[in-house]
Amino acid sequence: FGTLALQMLDQPDKDRIASSLVPESGKVYRQMMLGQIRLSKDYQPIPTLVVGSGRDRIISKRLNKTTVKKLNASYKEYDNHGHWIVEEKGIEQVVNDILDWLDNIPK
């Protein structure tokens, strides 16, 4: 798991995160990875931002772009980040970009 999802982190952080993980649904994970999750016929579009990582070894750029298209979402990709972007160095820029995006949602 550390080489796929946590490859951008130092070993102490990898160990801390890995020790706190709990099992996930294999069915849901497979559906997400294969783009098989379908929107309800009652789905009402809302402003959505998809954040991608250029070095993500789990979620492909193709899957991000499929999600963006399906949701008519905005997309921001960070080339020097991996899957665990929320704890990687440089997260401040990602957070600032998300806050800027939120501030600019039409009211």
C-alpha atoms as a PDB file:
ATOM      1  CA  PHE A   1       0.000   0.000   0.000  1.00  0.00           C
ATOM      2  CA  GLY A   2       2.836   2.380   0.855  1.00  0.00           C
ATOM      3  CA  THR A   3       4.341   2.175  -2.621  1.00  0.00           C
ATOM      4  CA  LEU A   4       1.009   2.925  -4.274  1.00  0.00           C
ATOM      5  CA  ALA A   5      -0.778   5.444  -2.101  1.00  0.00           C
ATOM      6  CA  LEU A   6       1.923   6.835   0.155  1.00  0.00           C
ATOM      7  CA  GLN A   7       4.961   6.958  -2.128  1.00  0.00           C
ATOM      8  CA  MET A   8       5.479  10.710  -1.674  1.00  0.00           C
ATOM      9  CA  LEU A   9       5.664  10.541   2.146  1.00  0.00           C
ATOM     10  CA  ASP A  10       8.475   9.838   4.579  1.00  0.00           C
ATOM     11  CA  GLN A  11       8.531   6.420   6.283  1.00  0.00           C
ATOM     12  CA  PRO A  12       7.307   7.627   9.706  1.00  0.00           C
ATOM     13  CA  ASP A  13       4.245   9.177   8.023  1.00  0.00           C
ATOM     14  CA  LYS A  14       3.660   6.022   5.968  1.00  0.00           C
ATOM     15  CA  ASP A  15       3.771   3.912   9.136  1.00  0.00           C
ATOM     16  CA  ARG A  16       1.411   6.250  11.030  1.00  0.00           C
ATOM     17  CA  ILE A  17      -1.131   6.354   8.215  1.00  0.00           C
ATOM     18  CA  ALA A  18      -0.962   2.631   7.455  1.00  0.00           C
ATOM     19  CA  SER A  19      -1.579   1.783  11.115  1.00  0.00           C
ATOM     20  CA  SER A  20      -4.783   3.839  11.149  1.00  0.00           C
ATOM     21  CA  LEU A  21      -6.402   2.423   8.006  1.00  0.00           C
ATOM     22  CA  VAL A  22      -9.510   0.285   8.156  1.00  0.00           C
ATOM     23  CA  PRO A  23     -10.864  -2.141   5.536  1.00  0.00           C
ATOM     24  CA  GLU A  24     -12.704  -0.642   2.586  1.00  0.00           C
ATOM     25  CA  SER A  25     -15.340  -2.162   0.374  1.00  0.00           C
ATOM     26  CA  GLY A  26     -13.636  -4.084  -2.414  1.00  0.00           C
ATOM     27  CA  LYS A  27     -16.807  -3.822  -4.493  1.00  0.00           C
ATOM     28  CA  VAL A  28     -16.988  -0.032  -4.270  1.00  0.00           C
ATOM     29  CA  TYR A  29     -13.239   0.288  -4.865  1.00  0.00           C
ATOM     30  CA  ARG A  30     -13.506  -1.843  -8.019  1.00  0.00           C
ATOM     31  CA  GLN A  31     -16.495   0.152  -9.272  1.00  0.00           C
ATOM     32  CA  MET A  32     -14.615   3.419  -8.734  1.00  0.00           C
ATOM     33  CA  MET A  33     -11.451   2.172 -10.427  1.00  0.00           C
ATOM     34  CA  LEU A  34     -13.365   0.926 -13.471  1.00  0.00           C
ATOM     35  CA  GLY A  35     -15.613   3.993 -13.697  1.00  0.00           C
ATOM     36  CA  GLN A  36     -18.711   1.861 -13.088  1.00  0.00           C
ATOM     37  CA  ILE A  37     -20.437   4.111 -10.564  1.00  0.00           C
ATOM     38  CA  ARG A  38     -23.564   5.536 -12.154  1.00  0.00           C
ATOM     39  CA  LEU A  39     -25.390   8.723 -11.290  1.00  0.00           C
ATOM     40  CA  SER A  40     -28.979   8.470 -10.168  1.00  0.00           C
ATOM     41  CA  LYS A  41     -31.578   9.538 -12.721  1.00  0.00           C
ATOM     42  CA  ASP A  42     -32.542  12.174 -10.134  1.00  0.00           C
ATOM     43  CA  TYR A  43     -28.995  13.588  -9.962  1.00  0.00           C
ATOM     44  CA  GLN A  44     -28.976  17.372  -9.801  1.00  0.00           C
ATOM     45  CA  PRO A  45     -25.656  18.927 -10.858  1.00  0.00           C
ATOM     46  CA  ILE A  46     -23.873  21.038  -8.287  1.00  0.00           C
ATOM     47  CA  PRO A  47     -20.560  22.899  -8.532  1.00  0.00           C
ATOM     48  CA  THR A  48     -17.851  20.271  -8.188  1.00  0.00           C
ATOM     49  CA  LEU A  49     -14.072  20.424  -8.167  1.00  0.00           C
ATOM     50  CA  VAL A  50     -12.058  17.295  -8.922  1.00  0.00           C
ATOM     51  CA  VAL A  51      -8.490  17.444  -7.587  1.00  0.00           C
ATOM     52  CA  GLY A  52      -6.003  15.134  -9.279  1.00  0.00           C
ATOM     53  CA  SER A  53      -2.391  14.266  -8.660  1.00  0.00           C
ATOM     54  CA  GLY A  54       0.099  13.806 -11.464  1.00  0.00           C
ATOM     55  CA  ARG A  55       1.915  11.020  -9.613  1.00  0.00           C
ATOM     56  CA  ASP A  56      -1.152   9.233  -8.275  1.00  0.00           C
ATOM     57  CA  ARG A  57      -0.612   5.485  -8.680  1.00  0.00           C
ATOM     58  CA  ILE A  58      -4.180   4.583  -7.787  1.00  0.00           C
ATOM     59  CA  ILE A  59      -6.513   7.079  -9.499  1.00  0.00           C
ATOM     60  CA  SER A  60      -5.548   7.571 -13.136  1.00  0.00           C
ATOM     61  CA  LYS A  61      -5.719  10.856 -14.999  1.00  0.00           C
ATOM     62  CA  ARG A  62      -8.149   9.147 -17.365  1.00  0.00           C
ATOM     63  CA  LEU A  63     -10.493   8.310 -14.493  1.00  0.00           C
ATOM     64  CA  ASN A  64     -10.264  11.886 -13.183  1.00  0.00           C
ATOM     65  CA  LYS A  65     -11.168  13.225 -16.626  1.00  0.00           C
ATOM     66  CA  THR A  66     -14.073  10.777 -16.916  1.00  0.00           C
ATOM     67  CA  THR A  67     -15.355  11.982 -13.542  1.00  0.00           C
ATOM     68  CA  VAL A  68     -14.980  15.620 -14.590  1.00  0.00           C
ATOM     69  CA  LYS A  69     -16.934  14.993 -17.766  1.00  0.00           C
ATOM     70  CA  LYS A  70     -19.661  12.993 -16.011  1.00  0.00           C
ATOM     71  CA  LEU A  71     -20.171  15.699 -13.370  1.00  0.00           C
ATOM     72  CA  ASN A  72     -19.437  18.705 -15.591  1.00  0.00           C
ATOM     73  CA  ALA A  73     -16.869  19.563 -12.928  1.00  0.00           C
ATOM     74  CA  SER A  74     -13.882  21.851 -12.703  1.00  0.00           C
ATOM     75  CA  TYR A  75     -10.494  20.117 -12.624  1.00  0.00           C
ATOM     76  CA  LYS A  76      -7.192  20.978 -11.011  1.00  0.00           C
ATOM     77  CA  GLU A  77      -4.177  18.696 -11.236  1.00  0.00           C
ATOM     78  CA  TYR A  78      -1.000  18.871  -9.182  1.00  0.00           C
ATOM     79  CA  ASP A  79       1.919  17.300 -11.036  1.00  0.00           C
ATOM     80  CA  ASN A  80       4.218  16.782  -8.062  1.00  0.00           C
ATOM     81  CA  HIS A  81       1.765  15.007  -5.790  1.00  0.00           C
ATOM     82  CA  GLY A  82       0.728  11.410  -5.277  1.00  0.00           C
ATOM     83  CA  HIS A  83      -2.450   9.765  -4.035  1.00  0.00           C
ATOM     84  CA  TRP A  84      -2.193  10.925  -0.400  1.00  0.00           C
ATOM     85  CA  ILE A  85      -2.128  14.592  -1.409  1.00  0.00           C
ATOM     86  CA  VAL A  86      -3.719  15.766   1.858  1.00  0.00           C
ATOM     87  CA  GLU A  87      -0.543  15.037   3.847  1.00  0.00           C
ATOM     88  CA  GLU A  88       2.151  15.695   1.276  1.00  0.00           C
ATOM     89  CA  LYS A  89       4.566  18.598   1.209  1.00  0.00           C
ATOM     90  CA  GLY A  90       3.073  21.501  -0.710  1.00  0.00           C
ATOM     91  CA  ILE A  91      -0.500  20.882   0.400  1.00  0.00           C
ATOM     92  CA  GLU A  92      -0.806  24.593   1.236  1.00  0.00           C
ATOM     93  CA  GLN A  93      -1.052  25.480  -2.473  1.00  0.00           C
ATOM     94  CA  VAL A  94      -3.707  22.829  -3.014  1.00  0.00           C
ATOM     95  CA  VAL A  95      -5.741  24.123  -0.070  1.00  0.00           C
ATOM     96  CA  ASN A  96      -5.412  27.730  -1.266  1.00  0.00           C
ATOM     97  CA  ASP A  97      -6.581  26.735  -4.756  1.00  0.00           C
ATOM     98  CA  ILE A  98      -9.582  24.880  -3.319  1.00  0.00           C
ATOM     99  CA  LEU A  99     -10.486  27.875  -1.145  1.00  0.00           C
ATOM    100  CA  ASP A 100     -10.200  30.171  -4.180  1.00  0.00           C
ATOM    101  CA  TRP A 101     -12.442  27.821  -6.162  1.00  0.00           C
ATOM    102  CA  LEU A 102     -14.998  27.811  -3.323  1.00  0.00           C
ATOM    103  CA  ASP A 103     -14.920  31.614  -3.118  1.00  0.00           C
ATOM    104  CA  ASN A 104     -15.745  31.838  -6.814  1.00  0.00           C
ATOM    105  CA  ILE A 105     -18.737  29.511  -6.950  1.00  0.00           C
ATOM    106  CA  PRO A 106     -21.657  31.508  -8.368  1.00  0.00           C
ATOM    107  CA  LYS A 107     -24.144  32.292  -5.645  1.00  0.00           C
END
